[in-house]
Amino acid sequence: MPTHSLVDEIDNALAAHAAWRQKLTTAIRTGHLDSSPHDITCDDRCAFGQWLQGPSLNAAVKQSKPYQITRRLHAEFHAVAGQVARLAEDSKGGEAFALLDNEYAARSETLTRALKKWRGEMANAE
């Protein structure tokens, strides 16, 4: 895969995952989710997860440390997002906001840092 394509995918992931906080906040306030908590928990249902785990990345990329770290952090992000979604669905807004503001925020920030680091490494490799 060309490096610029990898950088583009990482940029898309950064934008998409940044939007999750607003989606979850809306879900907590309204009790309405566009996806089930189960689907949100699955890290291979979003476009980035499908790309990350799909066939377009070669074995060398998938064996690299940045890939391995990103894949793990992405799964952790989705696990917490799914927990927030389940609490929202169960009308447990206080618990959902607490999880969103703490563990979710921490996982999101860690994933964002890892994605930016990986993007920087790929951009410098061009």
Protein backbone atom coordinates (compact mmCIF):
# COMPACT_ATOMS: atom_id res chain seq x y z
CA MET A 1 0.00 0.00 0.00
CA PRO A 2 1.42 3.41 -0.89
CA THR A 3 2.41 5.49 2.12
CA HIS A 4 0.09 8.35 1.12
CA SER A 5 -2.89 5.95 1.19
CA LEU A 6 -1.95 4.83 4.68
CA VAL A 7 -1.66 8.45 5.81
CA ASP A 8 -5.06 9.21 4.24
CA GLU A 9 -6.66 6.27 6.07
CA ILE A 10 -5.17 7.44 9.36
CA ASP A 11 -6.47 10.98 8.72
CA ASN A 12 -9.93 9.56 8.00
CA ALA A 13 -9.78 7.53 11.21
CA LEU A 14 -8.82 10.58 13.25
CA ALA A 15 -11.82 12.49 11.94
CA ALA A 16 -14.27 9.60 12.34
CA HIS A 17 -13.20 8.71 15.85
CA ALA A 18 -13.27 12.35 16.93
CA ALA A 19 -16.94 12.42 15.92
CA TRP A 20 -17.77 9.52 18.24
CA ARG A 21 -17.78 11.68 21.35
CA GLN A 22 -20.58 13.84 19.92
CA LYS A 23 -22.53 10.77 18.78
CA LEU A 24 -22.28 9.24 22.24
CA THR A 25 -23.18 12.51 23.96
CA THR A 26 -26.29 12.76 21.79
CA ALA A 27 -27.14 9.13 22.53
CA ILE A 28 -26.86 9.72 26.27
CA ARG A 29 -29.12 12.78 26.07
CA THR A 30 -31.72 11.25 23.76
CA GLY A 31 -31.46 7.53 24.46
CA HIS A 32 -31.27 6.98 20.69
CA LEU A 33 -28.35 5.20 19.04
CA ASP A 34 -27.69 4.84 15.33
CA SER A 35 -25.89 1.56 16.03
CA SER A 36 -26.34 -1.10 18.68
CA PRO A 37 -23.94 -1.15 21.63
CA HIS A 38 -22.77 -4.54 20.36
CA ASP A 39 -21.89 -3.12 16.93
CA ILE A 40 -20.13 -0.15 18.53
CA THR A 41 -18.07 -2.53 20.67
CA CYS A 42 -16.87 -4.44 17.59
CA ASP A 43 -13.68 -2.82 16.34
CA ASP A 44 -14.07 -4.24 12.84
CA ARG A 45 -17.41 -2.59 12.00
CA CYS A 46 -16.22 0.98 11.43
CA ALA A 47 -14.49 1.92 8.18
CA PHE A 48 -11.10 2.24 9.89
CA GLY A 49 -11.45 -1.13 11.61
CA GLN A 50 -12.37 -2.79 8.32
CA TRP A 51 -9.33 -1.24 6.68
CA LEU A 52 -7.07 -2.00 9.65
CA GLN A 53 -8.04 -5.66 9.73
CA GLY A 54 -8.68 -6.08 6.01
CA PRO A 55 -6.52 -7.35 3.17
CA SER A 56 -5.25 -3.98 1.89
CA LEU A 57 -2.40 -3.83 4.42
CA ASN A 58 0.52 -6.11 3.73
CA ALA A 59 2.08 -8.48 6.25
CA ALA A 60 5.03 -6.18 6.92
CA VAL A 61 2.71 -3.35 7.98
CA LYS A 62 0.60 -5.70 10.11
CA GLN A 63 3.72 -6.95 11.87
CA SER A 64 4.99 -3.45 12.61
CA LYS A 65 4.87 -2.07 16.13
CA PRO A 66 2.78 1.01 15.17
CA TYR A 67 0.16 -1.25 13.58
CA GLN A 68 0.05 -3.61 16.57
CA ILE A 69 -0.28 -0.73 19.03
CA THR A 70 -2.95 1.00 16.95
CA ARG A 71 -4.97 -2.18 16.53
CA ARG A 72 -4.94 -2.83 20.30
CA LEU A 73 -5.82 0.77 21.17
CA HIS A 74 -8.56 0.83 18.54
CA ALA A 75 -10.14 -2.29 20.08
CA GLU A 76 -9.92 -0.76 23.57
CA PHE A 77 -11.52 2.46 22.29
CA HIS A 78 -14.46 0.54 20.82
CA ALA A 79 -14.89 -1.55 23.98
CA VAL A 80 -15.34 1.58 26.09
CA ALA A 81 -17.49 3.31 23.45
CA GLY A 82 -19.74 0.25 23.50
CA GLN A 83 -20.01 0.44 27.29
CA VAL A 84 -21.04 4.10 27.05
CA ALA A 85 -23.60 3.20 24.38
CA ARG A 86 -25.05 0.41 26.54
CA LEU A 87 -25.41 2.77 29.50
CA ALA A 88 -27.07 5.34 27.23
CA GLU A 89 -29.45 2.71 25.90
CA ASP A 90 -30.27 1.68 29.49
CA SER A 91 -31.05 5.34 30.39
CA LYS A 92 -28.12 5.49 32.83
CA GLY A 93 -27.04 8.96 31.78
CA GLY A 94 -25.00 9.79 34.87
CA GLU A 95 -22.94 6.63 34.59
CA ALA A 96 -22.62 7.07 30.84
CA PHE A 97 -21.35 10.65 31.15
CA ALA A 98 -18.90 9.62 33.89
CA LEU A 99 -17.50 6.87 31.67
CA LEU A 100 -17.45 9.22 28.66
CA ASP A 101 -15.59 11.93 30.55
CA ASN A 102 -13.05 9.60 32.12
CA GLU A 103 -12.14 6.23 30.63
CA TYR A 104 -13.54 6.97 27.17
CA ALA A 105 -11.72 10.32 27.02
CA ALA A 106 -8.46 8.67 28.09
CA ARG A 107 -8.79 5.84 25.54
CA SER A 108 -9.72 8.29 22.81
CA GLU A 109 -6.73 10.52 23.56
CA THR A 110 -4.35 7.56 23.63
CA LEU A 111 -5.67 6.27 20.30
CA THR A 112 -5.43 9.75 18.78
CA ARG A 113 -1.80 10.11 19.90
CA ALA A 114 -0.93 6.69 18.47
CA LEU A 115 -2.62 7.46 15.15
CA LYS A 116 -0.82 10.81 14.87
CA LYS A 117 2.51 9.18 15.70
CA TRP A 118 1.95 6.46 13.08
CA ARG A 119 0.87 9.07 10.52
CA GLY A 120 4.00 11.12 11.24
CA GLU A 121 6.22 8.08 10.80
CA MET A 122 4.55 7.25 7.49
CA ALA A 123 4.71 10.85 6.24
CA ASN A 124 8.42 11.01 7.08
CA ALA A 125 9.01 7.73 5.21
CA GLU A 126 7.81 9.25 1.92
